[in-house]
Amino acid sequence: MKKNVLLIIILLFAITSNSQSIVGKWKTIDDETGKEKSIVEIYQVDGKIYAKVDKLLTKGDENKICDNCEGANKNKPIKGMVIINGLTKDGDEWNGAKILDPKTGKEYKCYIALENPDKLKVRGYLGFALLGRTQYWYKVKD
């Protein structure tokens, strides 16, 4: 009987933990136009969070390159590009890394917070979080 109760507790914890994960595919929405831009895959490596562009959704942009980027990303395809490098969990947020805006080629400090299991708040900023932009990304259902 005790084993069954323990198993149920472990399963409930696993389900709850999984529903609070930011890992997976997310649809990005342009905060200026309101149009769908891309599908971004968020993944975890060694306890840190990364994100790469999985698919560009604007017709004609599927093979777009990052001509505004600098360094290693200059003139590289946006599809497959890592745009978030190494966020760490801090309470209810993930922060401590930068996000790349492939449209401008600029990098910003960022933090991510899960609004609900299907909605992610992504904030890019310069200096401190009050000076920046917020986008909401939506979980892609399999």
Protein backbone atom coordinates (compact mmCIF):
# COMPACT_ATOMS: atom_id res chain seq x y z
CA MET A 1 0.00 0.00 0.00
CA LYS A 2 2.80 2.43 0.89
CA LYS A 3 4.51 1.66 -2.43
CA ASN A 4 1.33 2.54 -4.34
CA VAL A 5 0.94 5.86 -2.51
CA LEU A 6 4.59 6.69 -3.13
CA LEU A 7 4.23 5.80 -6.82
CA ILE A 8 1.16 8.03 -7.14
CA ILE A 9 2.98 10.93 -5.46
CA ILE A 10 5.98 10.51 -7.78
CA LEU A 11 3.73 10.37 -10.87
CA LEU A 12 1.80 13.48 -9.80
CA PHE A 13 5.06 15.32 -9.19
CA ALA A 14 6.37 14.26 -12.61
CA ILE A 15 3.18 15.42 -14.35
CA THR A 16 3.19 18.75 -12.49
CA SER A 17 6.89 19.31 -13.17
CA ASN A 18 6.51 18.47 -16.84
CA SER A 19 3.57 20.85 -17.31
CA GLN A 20 5.73 23.69 -15.94
CA SER A 21 8.58 23.08 -18.34
CA ILE A 22 9.55 25.63 -20.97
CA VAL A 23 11.30 22.93 -22.99
CA GLY A 24 9.56 22.27 -26.31
CA LYS A 25 8.45 24.12 -29.42
CA TRP A 26 6.95 27.60 -29.22
CA LYS A 27 5.30 29.83 -31.82
CA THR A 28 6.67 33.37 -31.79
CA ILE A 29 4.47 36.37 -32.49
CA ASP A 30 5.89 39.67 -33.74
CA ASP A 31 5.09 42.21 -31.00
CA GLU A 32 4.88 45.02 -33.58
CA THR A 33 2.70 43.38 -36.27
CA GLY A 34 0.94 40.64 -34.29
CA LYS A 35 1.83 38.12 -37.02
CA GLU A 36 3.27 34.65 -36.46
CA LYS A 37 7.02 34.72 -37.13
CA SER A 38 8.60 31.40 -36.31
CA ILE A 39 8.68 28.18 -34.38
CA VAL A 40 11.45 28.17 -31.79
CA GLU A 41 12.65 25.02 -30.05
CA ILE A 42 13.69 25.49 -26.44
CA TYR A 43 15.97 22.77 -25.10
CA GLN A 44 18.11 22.08 -22.06
CA VAL A 45 21.81 21.17 -21.90
CA ASP A 46 23.61 20.68 -18.58
CA GLY A 47 20.86 22.48 -16.66
CA LYS A 48 20.88 25.56 -18.92
CA ILE A 49 18.22 26.62 -21.41
CA TYR A 50 18.90 27.30 -25.09
CA ALA A 51 16.62 28.14 -27.99
CA LYS A 52 17.02 27.76 -31.73
CA VAL A 53 14.85 28.73 -34.68
CA ASP A 54 13.16 25.58 -35.96
CA LYS A 55 11.04 27.11 -38.72
CA LEU A 56 10.33 30.52 -40.25
CA LEU A 57 6.60 31.01 -40.86
CA THR A 58 6.54 34.04 -43.17
CA LYS A 59 6.15 32.95 -46.78
CA GLY A 60 9.35 33.73 -48.67
CA ASP A 61 11.49 33.91 -45.51
CA GLU A 62 11.99 30.14 -45.10
CA ASN A 63 15.66 30.36 -46.20
CA LYS A 64 16.41 33.86 -44.93
CA ILE A 65 19.92 34.62 -43.71
CA CYS A 66 20.96 36.87 -40.85
CA ASP A 67 22.66 39.62 -42.84
CA ASN A 68 22.43 42.04 -39.87
CA CYS A 69 24.14 39.63 -37.48
CA GLU A 70 27.76 39.98 -36.46
CA GLY A 71 30.48 37.44 -35.78
CA ALA A 72 29.79 33.75 -36.31
CA ASN A 73 26.11 34.34 -37.22
CA LYS A 74 26.86 36.83 -40.02
CA ASN A 75 25.17 35.67 -43.25
CA LYS A 76 24.14 32.34 -41.69
CA PRO A 77 20.65 30.86 -42.16
CA ILE A 78 18.23 31.96 -39.46
CA LYS A 79 16.62 28.51 -39.51
CA GLY A 80 18.67 26.43 -37.07
CA MET A 81 20.30 29.48 -35.47
CA VAL A 82 20.65 29.45 -31.67
CA ILE A 83 19.04 32.67 -30.44
CA ILE A 84 19.16 32.08 -26.66
CA ASN A 85 22.34 30.84 -25.00
CA GLY A 86 22.41 29.44 -21.49
CA LEU A 87 19.53 30.77 -19.39
CA THR A 88 19.47 29.51 -15.81
CA LYS A 89 16.45 29.05 -13.57
CA ASP A 90 15.98 31.70 -10.91
CA GLY A 91 12.77 31.14 -8.98
CA ASP A 92 9.90 31.38 -11.48
CA GLU A 93 12.09 32.87 -14.22
CA TRP A 94 14.97 31.84 -16.44
CA ASN A 95 17.60 34.55 -16.92
CA GLY A 96 21.31 35.30 -17.07
CA ALA A 97 21.82 35.04 -20.83
CA LYS A 98 21.22 36.96 -24.04
CA ILE A 99 18.68 36.68 -26.84
CA LEU A 100 19.50 37.42 -30.46
CA ASP A 101 17.01 39.30 -32.62
CA PRO A 102 17.79 37.95 -36.12
CA LYS A 103 15.82 40.82 -37.69
CA THR A 104 18.23 43.46 -36.35
CA GLY A 105 21.23 41.26 -35.55
CA LYS A 106 21.33 42.74 -32.04
CA GLU A 107 21.66 40.84 -28.77
CA TYR A 108 19.80 41.76 -25.62
CA LYS A 109 19.79 40.53 -22.05
CA CYS A 110 16.69 38.46 -21.54
CA TYR A 111 14.49 36.62 -19.14
CA ILE A 112 11.71 34.15 -19.70
CA ALA A 113 8.74 33.47 -17.45
CA LEU A 114 6.01 30.90 -17.93
CA GLU A 115 2.67 32.75 -17.81
CA ASN A 116 0.79 29.45 -18.00
CA PRO A 117 1.69 26.03 -19.47
CA ASP A 118 0.89 27.31 -23.00
CA LYS A 119 2.15 30.92 -22.83
CA LEU A 120 5.71 32.14 -22.37
CA LYS A 121 6.71 35.73 -21.61
CA VAL A 122 10.02 36.58 -23.31
CA ARG A 123 11.56 39.93 -22.40
CA GLY A 124 14.63 41.38 -24.12
CA TYR A 125 16.22 44.49 -22.67
CA LEU A 126 19.25 46.76 -22.51
CA GLY A 127 20.74 47.56 -19.12
CA PHE A 128 17.82 46.70 -16.88
CA ALA A 129 14.47 45.03 -17.55
CA LEU A 130 12.40 48.24 -17.60
CA LEU A 131 14.01 49.27 -20.91
CA GLY A 132 13.03 46.59 -23.38
CA ARG A 133 10.41 44.68 -25.33
CA THR A 134 8.19 41.78 -24.41
CA GLN A 135 6.92 39.05 -26.70
CA TYR A 136 4.59 36.21 -25.87
CA TRP A 137 5.32 32.79 -27.32
CA TYR A 138 2.70 30.06 -27.49
CA LYS A 139 3.26 26.33 -27.00
CA VAL A 140 3.05 24.31 -30.19
CA LYS A 141 0.83 21.28 -29.73
CA ASP A 142 2.27 18.06 -31.12
